[in-house]
Amino acid sequence: MAADKAAVEQQIRYILATGTDAMTLSDQLFSPNGLFNQIATNEAERRQVARSPLFKEAQRRLSDLQRQEADEFARNIRDLRTTSESKRLVKMERL
């Protein structure tokens, strides 16, 4: 493994504990330059990492954040429809 696995796993745990944005968390952990790819440099290592409890925890956390953000977006849309701003914003959207 290319990177110090224990140090990278510590970074992952920190991000899981403090991250509040799904897109940022996904980029930091799962992108080609993400932390999980730093500890898995070949296919066998990637398979091992993907089965690890830490990886599964990260996937759950990402799903939770995505769900929270989707719920917040839906609430904002509902709230918008009940205000006088909605007509103006819809009109602006059509331009």
N, C-alpha and C. Protein backbone atom coordinates (compact mmCIF):
# COMPACT_ATOMS: atom_id res chain seq x y z
N MET A 1 0.84 -1.18 0.00
CA MET A 1 0.00 0.00 0.00
C MET A 1 0.88 1.24 0.00
N ALA A 2 0.50 2.20 -0.82
CA ALA A 2 1.34 3.36 -1.04
C ALA A 2 1.38 4.31 0.16
N ALA A 3 0.27 4.59 0.75
CA ALA A 3 0.22 5.55 1.86
C ALA A 3 0.20 4.80 3.19
N ASP A 4 0.56 5.51 4.27
CA ASP A 4 0.49 4.93 5.60
C ASP A 4 -0.99 4.70 5.93
N LYS A 5 -1.38 3.43 5.92
CA LYS A 5 -2.79 3.07 6.06
C LYS A 5 -3.40 3.62 7.35
N ALA A 6 -2.72 3.50 8.45
CA ALA A 6 -3.27 3.96 9.73
C ALA A 6 -3.50 5.47 9.73
N ALA A 7 -2.58 6.21 9.16
CA ALA A 7 -2.72 7.67 9.10
C ALA A 7 -3.88 8.07 8.19
N VAL A 8 -4.02 7.40 7.06
CA VAL A 8 -5.10 7.71 6.13
C VAL A 8 -6.44 7.33 6.75
N GLU A 9 -6.50 6.18 7.42
CA GLU A 9 -7.75 5.78 8.08
C GLU A 9 -8.14 6.78 9.16
N GLN A 10 -7.16 7.34 9.84
CA GLN A 10 -7.44 8.36 10.85
C GLN A 10 -8.04 9.61 10.18
N GLN A 11 -7.49 10.00 9.03
CA GLN A 11 -8.05 11.13 8.28
C GLN A 11 -9.49 10.84 7.86
N ILE A 12 -9.73 9.62 7.41
CA ILE A 12 -11.08 9.23 6.98
C ILE A 12 -12.05 9.35 8.15
N ARG A 13 -11.66 8.83 9.31
CA ARG A 13 -12.53 8.90 10.49
C ARG A 13 -12.81 10.36 10.88
N TYR A 14 -11.83 11.21 10.76
CA TYR A 14 -12.02 12.63 11.07
C TYR A 14 -13.04 13.24 10.10
N ILE A 15 -12.90 12.96 8.83
CA ILE A 15 -13.83 13.50 7.83
C ILE A 15 -15.24 12.97 8.08
N LEU A 16 -15.36 11.70 8.43
CA LEU A 16 -16.68 11.14 8.72
C LEU A 16 -17.32 11.81 9.93
N ALA A 17 -16.51 12.17 10.90
CA ALA A 17 -17.03 12.79 12.12
C ALA A 17 -17.37 14.26 11.93
N THR A 18 -16.69 14.93 11.03
CA THR A 18 -16.85 16.37 10.91
C THR A 18 -17.51 16.83 9.61
N GLY A 19 -17.54 15.99 8.61
CA GLY A 19 -18.09 16.39 7.31
C GLY A 19 -19.58 16.61 7.37
N THR A 20 -20.04 17.67 6.73
CA THR A 20 -21.46 18.00 6.73
C THR A 20 -22.01 18.19 5.32
N ASP A 21 -21.21 17.96 4.31
CA ASP A 21 -21.59 18.19 2.92
C ASP A 21 -21.31 16.91 2.13
N ALA A 22 -22.35 16.36 1.50
CA ALA A 22 -22.22 15.08 0.80
C ALA A 22 -21.20 15.14 -0.34
N MET A 23 -21.26 16.18 -1.13
CA MET A 23 -20.37 16.25 -2.29
C MET A 23 -18.90 16.35 -1.86
N THR A 24 -18.64 17.15 -0.85
CA THR A 24 -17.27 17.30 -0.37
C THR A 24 -16.78 15.99 0.23
N LEU A 25 -17.62 15.35 1.04
CA LEU A 25 -17.25 14.08 1.64
C LEU A 25 -16.96 13.05 0.57
N SER A 26 -17.81 12.98 -0.43
CA SER A 26 -17.61 12.02 -1.52
C SER A 26 -16.29 12.27 -2.24
N ASP A 27 -16.02 13.52 -2.54
CA ASP A 27 -14.76 13.86 -3.21
C ASP A 27 -13.55 13.49 -2.35
N GLN A 28 -13.61 13.83 -1.08
CA GLN A 28 -12.48 13.58 -0.19
C GLN A 28 -12.21 12.10 0.01
N LEU A 29 -13.26 11.29 -0.01
CA LEU A 29 -13.08 9.88 0.30
C LEU A 29 -13.07 8.96 -0.92
N PHE A 30 -13.95 9.20 -1.89
CA PHE A 30 -14.18 8.22 -2.95
C PHE A 30 -13.68 8.62 -4.34
N SER A 31 -13.25 9.84 -4.54
CA SER A 31 -12.79 10.27 -5.86
C SER A 31 -11.47 9.57 -6.21
N PRO A 32 -11.04 9.67 -7.45
CA PRO A 32 -9.75 9.06 -7.82
C PRO A 32 -8.59 9.55 -6.94
N ASN A 33 -8.67 10.78 -6.45
CA ASN A 33 -7.63 11.30 -5.56
C ASN A 33 -8.04 11.19 -4.09
N GLY A 34 -9.15 10.51 -3.83
CA GLY A 34 -9.68 10.41 -2.47
C GLY A 34 -8.84 9.50 -1.58
N LEU A 35 -9.16 9.59 -0.31
CA LEU A 35 -8.38 8.88 0.70
C LEU A 35 -8.44 7.36 0.56
N PHE A 36 -9.59 6.82 0.19
CA PHE A 36 -9.65 5.36 0.04
C PHE A 36 -8.73 4.88 -1.08
N ASN A 37 -8.59 5.67 -2.13
CA ASN A 37 -7.68 5.28 -3.21
C ASN A 37 -6.22 5.41 -2.80
N GLN A 38 -5.94 6.18 -1.76
CA GLN A 38 -4.56 6.27 -1.28
C GLN A 38 -4.13 5.01 -0.54
N ILE A 39 -5.08 4.28 0.02
CA ILE A 39 -4.70 3.06 0.73
C ILE A 39 -4.96 1.80 -0.10
N ALA A 40 -5.53 1.97 -1.27
CA ALA A 40 -5.77 0.84 -2.16
C ALA A 40 -5.23 1.18 -3.53
N THR A 41 -4.09 0.66 -3.85
CA THR A 41 -3.43 1.05 -5.10
C THR A 41 -3.59 0.03 -6.22
N ASN A 42 -4.18 -1.13 -5.92
CA ASN A 42 -4.43 -2.11 -6.97
C ASN A 42 -5.79 -2.77 -6.73
N GLU A 43 -6.21 -3.58 -7.66
CA GLU A 43 -7.55 -4.15 -7.60
C GLU A 43 -7.77 -5.01 -6.35
N ALA A 44 -6.80 -5.82 -6.00
CA ALA A 44 -6.94 -6.67 -4.80
C ALA A 44 -7.11 -5.82 -3.54
N GLU A 45 -6.33 -4.75 -3.43
CA GLU A 45 -6.44 -3.87 -2.27
C GLU A 45 -7.77 -3.14 -2.27
N ARG A 46 -8.24 -2.72 -3.45
CA ARG A 46 -9.53 -2.03 -3.54
C ARG A 46 -10.67 -2.94 -3.09
N ARG A 47 -10.59 -4.20 -3.47
CA ARG A 47 -11.62 -5.15 -3.03
C ARG A 47 -11.60 -5.31 -1.52
N GLN A 48 -10.42 -5.38 -0.97
CA GLN A 48 -10.28 -5.52 0.48
C GLN A 48 -10.82 -4.29 1.20
N VAL A 49 -10.47 -3.12 0.70
CA VAL A 49 -10.94 -1.87 1.30
C VAL A 49 -12.46 -1.77 1.20
N ALA A 50 -13.02 -2.15 0.06
CA ALA A 50 -14.47 -2.06 -0.15
C ALA A 50 -15.25 -2.97 0.80
N ARG A 51 -14.63 -3.99 1.31
CA ARG A 51 -15.29 -4.89 2.27
C ARG A 51 -15.05 -4.49 3.72
N SER A 52 -14.26 -3.46 3.93
CA SER A 52 -13.88 -3.08 5.30
C SER A 52 -15.03 -2.36 6.01
N PRO A 53 -15.08 -2.49 7.33
CA PRO A 53 -16.09 -1.76 8.10
C PRO A 53 -15.99 -0.24 7.92
N LEU A 54 -14.79 0.29 7.78
CA LEU A 54 -14.62 1.74 7.61
C LEU A 54 -15.23 2.21 6.29
N PHE A 55 -15.03 1.46 5.22
CA PHE A 55 -15.60 1.81 3.92
C PHE A 55 -17.12 1.77 3.99
N LYS A 56 -17.66 0.74 4.63
CA LYS A 56 -19.11 0.63 4.76
C LYS A 56 -19.67 1.77 5.61
N GLU A 57 -18.95 2.14 6.65
CA GLU A 57 -19.37 3.28 7.47
C GLU A 57 -19.37 4.56 6.63
N ALA A 58 -18.36 4.73 5.80
CA ALA A 58 -18.27 5.91 4.95
C ALA A 58 -19.43 5.95 3.95
N GLN A 59 -19.78 4.81 3.40
CA GLN A 59 -20.91 4.77 2.48
C GLN A 59 -22.22 5.13 3.19
N ARG A 60 -22.40 4.62 4.41
CA ARG A 60 -23.60 4.96 5.18
C ARG A 60 -23.65 6.45 5.47
N ARG A 61 -22.52 7.02 5.87
CA ARG A 61 -22.47 8.45 6.19
C ARG A 61 -22.79 9.29 4.96
N LEU A 62 -22.23 8.91 3.82
CA LEU A 62 -22.52 9.62 2.58
C LEU A 62 -24.01 9.53 2.25
N SER A 63 -24.59 8.36 2.36
CA SER A 63 -26.02 8.19 2.10
C SER A 63 -26.86 9.03 3.04
N ASP A 64 -26.49 9.07 4.32
CA ASP A 64 -27.21 9.89 5.29
C ASP A 64 -27.16 11.36 4.92
N LEU A 65 -25.97 11.85 4.55
CA LEU A 65 -25.84 13.25 4.16
C LEU A 65 -26.65 13.56 2.90
N GLN A 66 -26.61 12.65 1.93
CA GLN A 66 -27.38 12.86 0.70
C GLN A 66 -28.87 12.92 1.01
N ARG A 67 -29.33 12.04 1.88
CA ARG A 67 -30.74 12.02 2.26
C ARG A 67 -31.12 13.32 2.97
N GLN A 68 -30.28 13.78 3.89
CA GLN A 68 -30.54 15.03 4.61
C GLN A 68 -30.60 16.21 3.64
N GLU A 69 -29.68 16.25 2.69
CA GLU A 69 -29.66 17.35 1.74
C GLU A 69 -30.87 17.32 0.81
N ALA A 70 -31.29 16.14 0.42
CA ALA A 70 -32.49 16.01 -0.42
C ALA A 70 -33.73 16.45 0.35
N ASP A 71 -33.81 16.06 1.62
CA ASP A 71 -34.95 16.48 2.45
C ASP A 71 -34.97 17.99 2.61
N GLU A 72 -33.82 18.58 2.85
CA GLU A 72 -33.73 20.04 3.01
C GLU A 72 -34.14 20.75 1.72
N PHE A 73 -33.69 20.22 0.59
CA PHE A 73 -34.05 20.80 -0.71
C PHE A 73 -35.56 20.74 -0.91
N ALA A 74 -36.17 19.59 -0.60
CA ALA A 74 -37.62 19.45 -0.75
C ALA A 74 -38.36 20.41 0.16
N ARG A 75 -37.89 20.58 1.40
CA ARG A 75 -38.51 21.55 2.32
C ARG A 75 -38.42 22.96 1.76
N ASN A 76 -37.27 23.31 1.22
CA ASN A 76 -37.09 24.65 0.66
C ASN A 76 -38.03 24.89 -0.51
N ILE A 77 -38.22 23.90 -1.33
CA ILE A 77 -39.14 24.04 -2.46
C ILE A 77 -40.57 24.20 -1.96
N ARG A 78 -40.96 23.39 -0.97
CA ARG A 78 -42.32 23.53 -0.41
C ARG A 78 -42.51 24.92 0.20
N ASP A 79 -41.51 25.38 0.95
CA ASP A 79 -41.60 26.71 1.56
C ASP A 79 -41.67 27.79 0.50
N LEU A 80 -40.93 27.63 -0.55
CA LEU A 80 -40.91 28.61 -1.62
C LEU A 80 -42.28 28.74 -2.28
N ARG A 81 -42.96 27.63 -2.44
CA ARG A 81 -44.27 27.64 -3.08
C ARG A 81 -45.32 28.36 -2.25
N THR A 82 -45.06 28.52 -0.97
CA THR A 82 -46.05 29.17 -0.10
C THR A 82 -45.78 30.65 0.09
N THR A 83 -44.78 31.18 -0.56
CA THR A 83 -44.46 32.60 -0.39
C THR A 83 -44.74 33.36 -1.68
N SER A 84 -44.83 34.68 -1.56
CA SER A 84 -45.02 35.51 -2.75
C SER A 84 -43.78 35.50 -3.62
N GLU A 85 -42.64 35.15 -3.05
CA GLU A 85 -41.39 35.07 -3.82
C GLU A 85 -41.47 34.00 -4.90
N SER A 86 -42.29 32.98 -4.70
CA SER A 86 -42.31 31.86 -5.63
C SER A 86 -42.63 32.29 -7.05
N LYS A 87 -43.59 33.20 -7.22
CA LYS A 87 -43.95 33.64 -8.57
C LYS A 87 -42.79 34.37 -9.22
N ARG A 88 -42.16 35.23 -8.45
CA ARG A 88 -41.03 35.98 -8.99
C ARG A 88 -39.88 35.03 -9.36
N LEU A 89 -39.60 34.09 -8.50
CA LEU A 89 -38.48 33.19 -8.77
C LEU A 89 -38.77 32.26 -9.93
N VAL A 90 -39.98 31.78 -10.02
CA VAL A 90 -40.35 30.94 -11.15
C VAL A 90 -40.24 31.73 -12.45
N LYS A 91 -40.72 32.96 -12.40
CA LYS A 91 -40.63 33.82 -13.57
C LYS A 91 -39.16 34.05 -13.96
N MET A 92 -38.33 34.31 -12.98
CA MET A 92 -36.92 34.51 -13.26
C MET A 92 -36.30 33.24 -13.81
N GLU A 93 -36.74 32.11 -13.33
CA GLU A 93 -36.21 30.82 -13.79
C GLU A 93 -36.48 30.60 -15.28
N ARG A 94 -37.63 31.06 -15.73
CA ARG A 94 -38.01 30.86 -17.13
C ARG A 94 -37.20 31.71 -18.10
N LEU A 95 -36.61 32.76 -17.64
CA LEU A 95 -35.81 33.61 -18.51
C LEU A 95 -34.58 32.88 -18.84
